[in-house]
Amino acid sequence: MIKIAMISFHTCPLATLGGKDTGGMNVYVRDLTKFLGKLGVHVDVFTRSQDVHVPHVLHDLGYGNRVVHIPAGPEMPHPKDNLRNFIPEFITGIQTFASAKSIQYDLIYSHYWLSGLAATQLADFWDIPIVHMFHTLALLKNEIARSDSERESEIRIDGEKQVIMKVDKIISATENEV
C-alpha cells in the first residue's frame, strides 16, 4: 500500500468553508484524500492545530485516511504571514507522529508555499520525493494587485522559489501558473 504524507500547513481540509483561509484548497485536499483512499492509498493529512478542543488525530476522510493536527505555535488561528516561524515545530511534530506510529511514507504531497517549505525538510529527513501544488502564486497575485496592501511579500516570493528548486514534481492548475 502506498503511504502519502499530505501537508496542508496553514488550513485544515475539515475546516468550515467560507472563512478567510478556507475554500478551494481545503475542498481539493479533502476530496483528493478521499479519492486516493478509494484507490487503496493511505493518506495522513498534516495540518497545524488551530484549536486545543479539536482532537489531534481525526479519521474523517474515509478508508482509514486521517487528518492529523500538529501543535506548532499557539493553537489558535494566526495570519499566514506569521506562520513561517512555526514550521520547525510542525516538522518535529510530524516526525514524532510518524515515528510513534511506525509509519514510513512513500511520498510527500504538499499544498501552498508554507507546506512546501515544511515538505522539503521532511523529504530530506525521510529521503522521499515531493509532489507540490501551489494553488496560488505570489507573482501572479502581484500582477493583478490594485494596491500595495494586496501585494504578496518578498518573503513569500522567496519561499516559493525555494520550494520550486527543491520539489520533484509540481502540479499546476492553470496555464497561467505554468
N, C-alpha and C. Protein backbone atom coordinates (compact mmCIF):
# COMPACT_ATOMS: atom_id res chain seq x y z
N MET A 1 0.84 -1.18 0.00
CA MET A 1 0.00 0.00 0.00
C MET A 1 0.89 1.25 0.00
N ILE A 2 0.58 2.16 -0.88
CA ILE A 2 1.30 3.44 -0.94
C ILE A 2 0.84 4.30 0.23
N LYS A 3 1.80 4.97 0.88
CA LYS A 3 1.51 5.85 2.01
C LYS A 3 2.00 7.27 1.69
N ILE A 4 1.08 8.22 1.78
CA ILE A 4 1.39 9.62 1.46
C ILE A 4 1.26 10.48 2.70
N ALA A 5 2.25 11.34 2.92
CA ALA A 5 2.16 12.40 3.92
C ALA A 5 1.71 13.65 3.17
N MET A 6 0.46 14.04 3.36
CA MET A 6 -0.09 15.22 2.71
C MET A 6 0.08 16.39 3.67
N ILE A 7 0.67 17.47 3.18
CA ILE A 7 0.94 18.62 4.03
C ILE A 7 0.02 19.77 3.63
N SER A 8 -0.79 20.20 4.58
CA SER A 8 -1.67 21.36 4.41
C SER A 8 -1.49 22.23 5.66
N PHE A 9 -0.34 22.85 5.75
CA PHE A 9 0.12 23.51 6.98
C PHE A 9 -0.84 24.56 7.51
N HIS A 10 -1.27 25.49 6.68
CA HIS A 10 -1.98 26.66 7.21
C HIS A 10 -3.49 26.51 7.30
N THR A 11 -4.05 25.45 6.73
CA THR A 11 -5.50 25.30 6.76
C THR A 11 -5.88 23.82 6.72
N CYS A 12 -6.94 23.50 7.42
CA CYS A 12 -7.38 22.10 7.56
C CYS A 12 -8.45 21.76 6.53
N PRO A 13 -8.36 20.58 5.92
CA PRO A 13 -9.38 20.18 4.95
C PRO A 13 -10.75 19.95 5.57
N LEU A 14 -10.82 19.91 6.89
CA LEU A 14 -12.11 19.74 7.57
C LEU A 14 -12.70 21.06 8.06
N ALA A 15 -12.00 22.17 7.82
CA ALA A 15 -12.47 23.47 8.28
C ALA A 15 -13.77 23.86 7.59
N THR A 16 -14.58 24.60 8.31
CA THR A 16 -15.83 25.11 7.74
C THR A 16 -15.51 26.06 6.61
N LEU A 17 -16.13 25.84 5.47
CA LEU A 17 -15.85 26.67 4.30
C LEU A 17 -16.45 28.06 4.46
N GLY A 18 -15.80 29.02 3.79
CA GLY A 18 -16.30 30.38 3.78
C GLY A 18 -15.54 31.33 4.67
N GLY A 19 -14.58 30.82 5.44
CA GLY A 19 -13.77 31.70 6.29
C GLY A 19 -12.66 32.34 5.48
N LYS A 20 -11.84 33.15 6.16
CA LYS A 20 -10.78 33.88 5.48
C LYS A 20 -9.81 32.95 4.76
N ASP A 21 -9.41 31.88 5.39
CA ASP A 21 -8.44 30.96 4.77
C ASP A 21 -9.03 29.58 4.55
N THR A 22 -10.32 29.54 4.25
CA THR A 22 -10.95 28.26 3.95
C THR A 22 -11.71 28.39 2.63
N GLY A 23 -11.48 27.43 1.77
CA GLY A 23 -12.14 27.49 0.46
C GLY A 23 -11.67 26.38 -0.44
N GLY A 24 -11.26 26.76 -1.64
CA GLY A 24 -10.93 25.80 -2.68
C GLY A 24 -9.85 24.81 -2.31
N MET A 25 -8.79 25.27 -1.68
CA MET A 25 -7.70 24.36 -1.33
C MET A 25 -8.17 23.32 -0.32
N ASN A 26 -8.97 23.74 0.65
CA ASN A 26 -9.49 22.80 1.65
C ASN A 26 -10.29 21.69 0.97
N VAL A 27 -11.17 22.09 0.05
CA VAL A 27 -12.00 21.13 -0.67
C VAL A 27 -11.12 20.21 -1.51
N TYR A 28 -10.14 20.78 -2.19
CA TYR A 28 -9.24 20.00 -3.04
C TYR A 28 -8.52 18.93 -2.21
N VAL A 29 -7.92 19.33 -1.09
CA VAL A 29 -7.17 18.38 -0.25
C VAL A 29 -8.11 17.32 0.31
N ARG A 30 -9.26 17.72 0.79
CA ARG A 30 -10.24 16.77 1.35
C ARG A 30 -10.68 15.76 0.30
N ASP A 31 -11.11 16.25 -0.86
CA ASP A 31 -11.64 15.35 -1.88
C ASP A 31 -10.56 14.48 -2.51
N LEU A 32 -9.36 15.02 -2.69
CA LEU A 32 -8.25 14.23 -3.21
C LEU A 32 -7.91 13.10 -2.24
N THR A 33 -7.90 13.40 -0.95
CA THR A 33 -7.59 12.37 0.05
C THR A 33 -8.64 11.27 0.04
N LYS A 34 -9.91 11.64 -0.06
CA LYS A 34 -10.98 10.64 -0.13
C LYS A 34 -10.83 9.79 -1.40
N PHE A 35 -10.55 10.43 -2.54
CA PHE A 35 -10.39 9.71 -3.80
C PHE A 35 -9.21 8.73 -3.72
N LEU A 36 -8.08 9.19 -3.17
CA LEU A 36 -6.92 8.30 -3.04
C LEU A 36 -7.25 7.12 -2.13
N GLY A 37 -8.02 7.36 -1.08
CA GLY A 37 -8.45 6.28 -0.20
C GLY A 37 -9.24 5.22 -0.95
N LYS A 38 -10.12 5.64 -1.86
CA LYS A 38 -10.90 4.68 -2.66
C LYS A 38 -9.99 3.81 -3.51
N LEU A 39 -8.83 4.37 -3.89
CA LEU A 39 -7.87 3.62 -4.70
C LEU A 39 -6.95 2.73 -3.86
N GLY A 40 -7.12 2.78 -2.53
CA GLY A 40 -6.29 1.97 -1.65
C GLY A 40 -5.01 2.65 -1.21
N VAL A 41 -4.93 3.96 -1.38
CA VAL A 41 -3.75 4.73 -0.97
C VAL A 41 -4.01 5.29 0.43
N HIS A 42 -3.06 5.07 1.35
CA HIS A 42 -3.18 5.62 2.70
C HIS A 42 -2.63 7.05 2.70
N VAL A 43 -3.41 7.97 3.26
CA VAL A 43 -3.00 9.37 3.34
C VAL A 43 -3.19 9.88 4.76
N ASP A 44 -2.13 10.47 5.31
CA ASP A 44 -2.23 11.25 6.54
C ASP A 44 -2.07 12.70 6.13
N VAL A 45 -3.11 13.51 6.39
CA VAL A 45 -3.06 14.94 6.09
C VAL A 45 -2.61 15.66 7.36
N PHE A 46 -1.46 16.31 7.27
CA PHE A 46 -0.92 17.04 8.41
C PHE A 46 -1.23 18.52 8.27
N THR A 47 -1.82 19.08 9.31
CA THR A 47 -2.15 20.49 9.35
C THR A 47 -1.81 21.05 10.72
N ARG A 48 -1.58 22.34 10.78
CA ARG A 48 -1.25 22.97 12.06
C ARG A 48 -2.49 23.07 12.93
N SER A 49 -2.41 22.60 14.16
CA SER A 49 -3.53 22.66 15.08
C SER A 49 -3.87 24.12 15.39
N GLN A 50 -5.15 24.46 15.23
CA GLN A 50 -5.60 25.83 15.49
C GLN A 50 -6.65 25.90 16.59
N ASP A 51 -6.89 24.77 17.26
CA ASP A 51 -7.92 24.75 18.29
C ASP A 51 -7.60 23.62 19.28
N VAL A 52 -7.34 23.97 20.52
CA VAL A 52 -6.99 22.97 21.53
C VAL A 52 -8.13 21.99 21.79
N HIS A 53 -9.35 22.33 21.38
CA HIS A 53 -10.51 21.48 21.64
C HIS A 53 -10.76 20.45 20.53
N VAL A 54 -10.01 20.55 19.43
CA VAL A 54 -10.15 19.59 18.33
C VAL A 54 -9.15 18.46 18.54
N PRO A 55 -9.59 17.21 18.48
CA PRO A 55 -8.64 16.10 18.66
C PRO A 55 -7.50 16.19 17.65
N HIS A 56 -6.32 15.82 18.07
CA HIS A 56 -5.16 15.93 17.18
C HIS A 56 -5.19 14.93 16.04
N VAL A 57 -5.83 13.79 16.23
CA VAL A 57 -5.95 12.83 15.12
C VAL A 57 -7.43 12.57 14.88
N LEU A 58 -7.88 12.85 13.67
CA LEU A 58 -9.26 12.61 13.28
C LEU A 58 -9.26 11.61 12.13
N HIS A 59 -10.24 10.74 12.09
CA HIS A 59 -10.38 9.78 11.00
C HIS A 59 -11.62 10.13 10.19
N ASP A 60 -11.63 11.31 9.61
CA ASP A 60 -12.83 11.82 8.97
C ASP A 60 -12.77 11.82 7.45
N LEU A 61 -11.76 11.24 6.85
CA LEU A 61 -11.64 11.31 5.40
C LEU A 61 -11.85 9.96 4.72
N GLY A 62 -12.33 8.99 5.46
CA GLY A 62 -12.68 7.70 4.87
C GLY A 62 -11.49 6.81 4.57
N TYR A 63 -11.76 5.52 4.51
CA TYR A 63 -10.78 4.50 4.13
C TYR A 63 -9.55 4.49 5.04
N GLY A 64 -9.72 4.91 6.28
CA GLY A 64 -8.60 4.94 7.23
C GLY A 64 -7.70 6.15 7.08
N ASN A 65 -8.00 7.02 6.15
CA ASN A 65 -7.18 8.23 5.96
C ASN A 65 -7.50 9.24 7.05
N ARG A 66 -6.44 9.91 7.52
CA ARG A 66 -6.56 10.73 8.72
C ARG A 66 -6.18 12.17 8.46
N VAL A 67 -6.76 13.04 9.28
CA VAL A 67 -6.28 14.40 9.42
C VAL A 67 -5.57 14.45 10.77
N VAL A 68 -4.33 14.90 10.77
CA VAL A 68 -3.54 14.98 11.99
C VAL A 68 -3.20 16.45 12.25
N HIS A 69 -3.74 16.97 13.35
CA HIS A 69 -3.48 18.35 13.74
C HIS A 69 -2.22 18.38 14.60
N ILE A 70 -1.20 19.04 14.10
CA ILE A 70 0.09 19.10 14.78
C ILE A 70 0.21 20.42 15.54
N PRO A 71 0.38 20.38 16.86
CA PRO A 71 0.61 21.63 17.59
C PRO A 71 1.93 22.26 17.12
N ALA A 72 1.83 23.50 16.69
CA ALA A 72 3.01 24.27 16.24
C ALA A 72 2.66 25.74 16.44
N GLY A 73 3.23 26.31 17.47
CA GLY A 73 2.83 27.67 17.84
C GLY A 73 1.54 27.60 18.63
N PRO A 74 0.97 28.76 18.93
CA PRO A 74 -0.29 28.78 19.68
C PRO A 74 -1.40 28.06 18.89
N GLU A 75 -2.19 27.26 19.61
CA GLU A 75 -3.26 26.51 18.94
C GLU A 75 -4.49 27.42 18.78
N MET A 76 -4.32 28.34 17.84
CA MET A 76 -5.36 29.29 17.51
C MET A 76 -5.08 29.82 16.11
N PRO A 77 -6.09 30.37 15.43
CA PRO A 77 -5.83 30.93 14.11
C PRO A 77 -4.78 32.04 14.17
N HIS A 78 -3.97 32.09 13.13
CA HIS A 78 -2.89 33.08 13.03
C HIS A 78 -2.86 33.57 11.59
N PRO A 79 -2.50 34.83 11.37
CA PRO A 79 -2.33 35.29 9.97
C PRO A 79 -1.24 34.48 9.28
N LYS A 80 -1.46 34.16 7.99
CA LYS A 80 -0.48 33.36 7.25
C LYS A 80 0.92 33.97 7.29
N ASP A 81 0.99 35.30 7.27
CA ASP A 81 2.30 35.97 7.26
C ASP A 81 3.14 35.64 8.49
N ASN A 82 2.50 35.23 9.59
CA ASN A 82 3.22 34.95 10.83
C ASN A 82 3.48 33.47 11.07
N LEU A 83 3.05 32.62 10.15
CA LEU A 83 3.12 31.17 10.39
C LEU A 83 4.48 30.55 10.11
N ARG A 84 5.27 31.17 9.28
CA ARG A 84 6.55 30.57 8.89
C ARG A 84 7.42 30.19 10.09
N ASN A 85 7.34 30.98 11.15
CA ASN A 85 8.15 30.71 12.34
C ASN A 85 7.78 29.40 13.03
N PHE A 86 6.59 28.88 12.76
CA PHE A 86 6.14 27.65 13.41
C PHE A 86 6.48 26.39 12.61
N ILE A 87 7.07 26.55 11.44
CA ILE A 87 7.37 25.39 10.59
C ILE A 87 8.32 24.39 11.27
N PRO A 88 9.40 24.83 11.92
CA PRO A 88 10.28 23.83 12.57
C PRO A 88 9.55 22.96 13.60
N GLU A 89 8.69 23.57 14.41
CA GLU A 89 7.93 22.81 15.40
C GLU A 89 6.94 21.87 14.72
N PHE A 90 6.36 22.31 13.62
CA PHE A 90 5.44 21.49 12.82
C PHE A 90 6.16 20.26 12.28
N ILE A 91 7.34 20.46 11.72
CA ILE A 91 8.13 19.36 11.17
C ILE A 91 8.46 18.33 12.26
N THR A 92 8.90 18.82 13.41
CA THR A 92 9.21 17.93 14.53
C THR A 92 7.98 17.13 14.94
N GLY A 93 6.82 17.78 14.97
CA GLY A 93 5.58 17.10 15.33
C GLY A 93 5.22 15.99 14.35
N ILE A 94 5.42 16.25 13.07
CA ILE A 94 5.14 15.22 12.05
C ILE A 94 6.11 14.05 12.21
N GLN A 95 7.39 14.35 12.40
CA GLN A 95 8.38 13.29 12.58
C GLN A 95 8.05 12.45 13.82
N THR A 96 7.64 13.09 14.88
CA THR A 96 7.27 12.39 16.12
C THR A 96 6.07 11.49 15.89
N PHE A 97 5.05 11.99 15.19
CA PHE A 97 3.86 11.21 14.88
C PHE A 97 4.23 9.97 14.06
N ALA A 98 4.99 10.18 12.98
CA ALA A 98 5.37 9.07 12.10
C ALA A 98 6.17 8.02 12.86
N SER A 99 7.07 8.46 13.70
CA SER A 99 7.88 7.54 14.48
C SER A 99 7.01 6.76 15.48
N ALA A 100 6.10 7.45 16.17
CA ALA A 100 5.23 6.80 17.15
C ALA A 100 4.31 5.77 16.48
N LYS A 101 3.90 6.04 15.26
CA LYS A 101 3.01 5.13 14.52
C LYS A 101 3.79 4.11 13.69
N SER A 102 5.11 4.19 13.72
CA SER A 102 5.98 3.31 12.93
C SER A 102 5.56 3.30 11.46
N ILE A 103 5.32 4.47 10.93
CA ILE A 103 4.89 4.57 9.53
C ILE A 103 5.99 5.22 8.71
N GLN A 104 6.22 4.64 7.55
CA GLN A 104 7.18 5.18 6.59
C GLN A 104 6.41 5.59 5.35
N TYR A 105 6.50 6.85 5.02
CA TYR A 105 5.78 7.37 3.86
C TYR A 105 6.59 7.16 2.59
N ASP A 106 5.87 7.01 1.50
CA ASP A 106 6.49 6.82 0.19
C ASP A 106 6.62 8.13 -0.58
N LEU A 107 5.80 9.11 -0.20
CA LEU A 107 5.71 10.35 -0.95
C LEU A 107 5.16 11.44 -0.05
N ILE A 108 5.60 12.66 -0.30
CA ILE A 108 5.01 13.84 0.34
C ILE A 108 4.27 14.61 -0.75
N TYR A 109 3.06 15.01 -0.44
CA TYR A 109 2.26 15.83 -1.36
C TYR A 109 1.91 17.10 -0.58
N SER A 110 2.52 18.22 -0.95
CA SER A 110 2.32 19.46 -0.20
C SER A 110 1.49 20.46 -0.98
N HIS A 111 0.81 21.33 -0.21
CA HIS A 111 -0.10 22.32 -0.77
C HIS A 111 0.20 23.69 -0.19
N TYR A 112 0.46 24.67 -1.09
CA TYR A 112 0.75 26.05 -0.74
C TYR A 112 2.23 26.16 -0.33
N TRP A 113 2.78 27.34 -0.42
CA TRP A 113 4.22 27.51 -0.25
C TRP A 113 4.71 27.18 1.16
N LEU A 114 3.93 27.50 2.18
CA LEU A 114 4.37 27.20 3.55
C LEU A 114 4.48 25.69 3.75
N SER A 115 3.53 24.95 3.22
CA SER A 115 3.59 23.48 3.30
C SER A 115 4.78 22.96 2.52
N GLY A 116 5.08 23.59 1.39
CA GLY A 116 6.23 23.19 0.59
C GLY A 116 7.53 23.35 1.34
N LEU A 117 7.65 24.43 2.12
CA LEU A 117 8.87 24.62 2.92
C LEU A 117 9.02 23.50 3.95
N ALA A 118 7.93 23.12 4.58
CA ALA A 118 7.99 22.01 5.53
C ALA A 118 8.31 20.70 4.80
N ALA A 119 7.69 20.51 3.65
CA ALA A 119 7.88 19.26 2.89
C ALA A 119 9.33 19.07 2.48
N THR A 120 10.01 20.14 2.08
CA THR A 120 11.40 19.97 1.62
C THR A 120 12.29 19.46 2.75
N GLN A 121 12.05 19.91 3.95
CA GLN A 121 12.85 19.43 5.08
C GLN A 121 12.49 17.99 5.45
N LEU A 122 11.20 17.67 5.41
CA LEU A 122 10.79 16.29 5.69
C LEU A 122 11.33 15.33 4.65
N ALA A 123 11.31 15.75 3.39
CA ALA A 123 11.81 14.88 2.30
C ALA A 123 13.30 14.60 2.48
N ASP A 124 14.04 15.59 2.90
CA ASP A 124 15.47 15.37 3.17
C ASP A 124 15.64 14.37 4.30
N PHE A 125 14.84 14.49 5.34
CA PHE A 125 14.93 13.61 6.51
C PHE A 125 14.52 12.18 6.15
N TRP A 126 13.44 12.03 5.37
CA TRP A 126 12.91 10.70 5.03
C TRP A 126 13.47 10.16 3.72
N ASP A 127 14.13 10.97 2.95
CA ASP A 127 14.66 10.59 1.64
C ASP A 127 13.56 10.04 0.72
N ILE A 128 12.52 10.86 0.55
CA ILE A 128 11.40 10.51 -0.34
C ILE A 128 11.08 11.72 -1.22
N PRO A 129 10.38 11.49 -2.34
CA PRO A 129 10.07 12.59 -3.26
C PRO A 129 8.88 13.45 -2.78
N ILE A 130 8.81 14.64 -3.38
CA ILE A 130 7.73 15.59 -3.10
C ILE A 130 6.99 15.93 -4.38
N VAL A 131 5.67 15.88 -4.30
CA VAL A 131 4.79 16.46 -5.31
C VAL A 131 4.19 17.70 -4.64
N HIS A 132 4.19 18.82 -5.35
CA HIS A 132 3.71 20.06 -4.74
C HIS A 132 2.70 20.76 -5.63
N MET A 133 1.72 21.40 -4.99
CA MET A 133 0.76 22.26 -5.69
C MET A 133 0.69 23.58 -4.93
N PHE A 134 0.89 24.68 -5.65
CA PHE A 134 0.90 25.99 -5.00
C PHE A 134 -0.51 26.53 -4.73
N HIS A 135 -1.45 26.25 -5.60
CA HIS A 135 -2.82 26.76 -5.52
C HIS A 135 -2.89 28.24 -5.89
N THR A 136 -1.99 29.05 -5.40
CA THR A 136 -1.83 30.44 -5.85
C THR A 136 -0.34 30.76 -5.82
N LEU A 137 0.07 31.67 -6.67
CA LEU A 137 1.47 32.11 -6.71
C LEU A 137 1.54 33.61 -6.44
N ALA A 138 2.49 34.00 -5.63
CA ALA A 138 2.64 35.41 -5.26
C ALA A 138 2.86 36.30 -6.48
N LEU A 139 3.71 35.89 -7.40
CA LEU A 139 3.98 36.73 -8.56
C LEU A 139 2.73 36.98 -9.39
N LEU A 140 1.89 35.97 -9.53
CA LEU A 140 0.63 36.15 -10.27
C LEU A 140 -0.33 37.04 -9.51
N LYS A 141 -0.42 36.86 -8.21
CA LYS A 141 -1.29 37.71 -7.41
C LYS A 141 -0.84 39.17 -7.48
N ASN A 142 0.49 39.37 -7.47
CA ASN A 142 1.01 40.73 -7.52
C ASN A 142 0.74 41.42 -8.85
N GLU A 143 0.64 40.63 -9.92
CA GLU A 143 0.34 41.21 -11.23
C GLU A 143 -1.04 41.85 -11.28
N ILE A 144 -1.96 41.35 -10.48
CA ILE A 144 -3.32 41.90 -10.50
C ILE A 144 -3.66 42.72 -9.26
N ALA A 145 -2.70 42.86 -8.36
CA ALA A 145 -2.94 43.64 -7.14
C ALA A 145 -3.28 45.09 -7.50
N ARG A 146 -4.29 45.63 -6.84
CA ARG A 146 -4.71 47.00 -7.11
C ARG A 146 -4.10 48.00 -6.14
N SER A 147 -3.47 47.48 -5.08
CA SER A 147 -2.83 48.37 -4.10
C SER A 147 -1.70 47.61 -3.42
N ASP A 148 -0.84 48.34 -2.72
CA ASP A 148 0.27 47.70 -2.01
C ASP A 148 -0.24 46.71 -0.95
N SER A 149 -1.38 46.99 -0.35
CA SER A 149 -1.91 46.10 0.68
C SER A 149 -2.34 44.75 0.10
N GLU A 150 -2.59 44.68 -1.19
CA GLU A 150 -2.96 43.42 -1.84
C GLU A 150 -1.75 42.64 -2.34
N ARG A 151 -0.59 43.26 -2.32
CA ARG A 151 0.61 42.61 -2.83
C ARG A 151 1.15 41.58 -1.84
N GLU A 152 1.68 40.50 -2.38
CA GLU A 152 2.30 39.47 -1.56
C GLU A 152 3.74 39.87 -1.23
N SER A 153 4.24 39.34 -0.12
CA SER A 153 5.56 39.74 0.39
C SER A 153 6.71 39.09 -0.38
N GLU A 154 7.87 39.73 -0.29
CA GLU A 154 9.09 39.15 -0.84
C GLU A 154 9.44 37.85 -0.12
N ILE A 155 9.08 37.74 1.14
CA ILE A 155 9.32 36.51 1.90
C ILE A 155 8.59 35.35 1.24
N ARG A 156 7.34 35.59 0.85
CA ARG A 156 6.58 34.53 0.17
C ARG A 156 7.18 34.23 -1.19
N ILE A 157 7.53 35.25 -1.95
CA ILE A 157 8.13 35.03 -3.27
C ILE A 157 9.40 34.21 -3.14
N ASP A 158 10.26 34.56 -2.19
CA ASP A 158 11.49 33.79 -1.97
C ASP A 158 11.18 32.36 -1.52
N GLY A 159 10.17 32.20 -0.65
CA GLY A 159 9.78 30.87 -0.20
C GLY A 159 9.29 30.01 -1.35
N GLU A 160 8.50 30.60 -2.25
CA GLU A 160 8.02 29.85 -3.41
C GLU A 160 9.18 29.43 -4.31
N LYS A 161 10.14 30.31 -4.48
CA LYS A 161 11.31 29.96 -5.29
C LYS A 161 12.08 28.80 -4.66
N GLN A 162 12.22 28.82 -3.35
CA GLN A 162 12.90 27.72 -2.65
C GLN A 162 12.18 26.39 -2.90
N VAL A 163 10.86 26.43 -2.79
CA VAL A 163 10.07 25.21 -2.99
C VAL A 163 10.23 24.71 -4.43
N ILE A 164 10.15 25.61 -5.40
CA ILE A 164 10.28 25.24 -6.81
C ILE A 164 11.61 24.52 -7.06
N MET A 165 12.67 24.99 -6.42
CA MET A 165 14.01 24.42 -6.63
C MET A 165 14.18 23.05 -5.98
N LYS A 166 13.36 22.72 -4.97
CA LYS A 166 13.58 21.50 -4.19
C LYS A 166 12.62 20.35 -4.49
N VAL A 167 11.40 20.66 -4.96
CA VAL A 167 10.43 19.58 -5.12
C VAL A 167 10.71 18.78 -6.39
N ASP A 168 10.16 17.58 -6.43
CA ASP A 168 10.37 16.69 -7.57
C ASP A 168 9.37 16.94 -8.70
N LYS A 169 8.13 17.23 -8.35
CA LYS A 169 7.08 17.48 -9.35
C LYS A 169 6.19 18.61 -8.83
N ILE A 170 5.71 19.43 -9.75
CA ILE A 170 4.77 20.49 -9.43
C ILE A 170 3.49 20.25 -10.22
N ILE A 171 2.38 20.30 -9.55
CA ILE A 171 1.08 20.21 -10.20
C ILE A 171 0.56 21.62 -10.37
N SER A 172 0.24 21.97 -11.59
CA SER A 172 -0.26 23.30 -11.90
C SER A 172 -1.72 23.20 -12.32
N ALA A 173 -2.54 24.07 -11.76
CA ALA A 173 -3.97 24.02 -12.07
C ALA A 173 -4.35 24.81 -13.32
N THR A 174 -3.49 25.76 -13.71
CA THR A 174 -3.84 26.61 -14.84
C THR A 174 -2.63 26.84 -15.74
N GLU A 175 -2.88 27.27 -16.96
CA GLU A 175 -1.82 27.63 -17.89
C GLU A 175 -1.04 28.82 -17.37
N ASN A 176 -1.71 29.79 -16.77
CA ASN A 176 -1.01 30.96 -16.19
C ASN A 176 -0.02 30.55 -15.13
N GLU A 177 -0.39 29.58 -14.32
CA GLU A 177 0.50 29.12 -13.26
C GLU A 177 1.75 28.46 -13.84
N VAL A 178 1.59 27.76 -14.95
CA VAL A 178 2.75 27.11 -15.58
C VAL A 178 3.78 28.17 -15.93
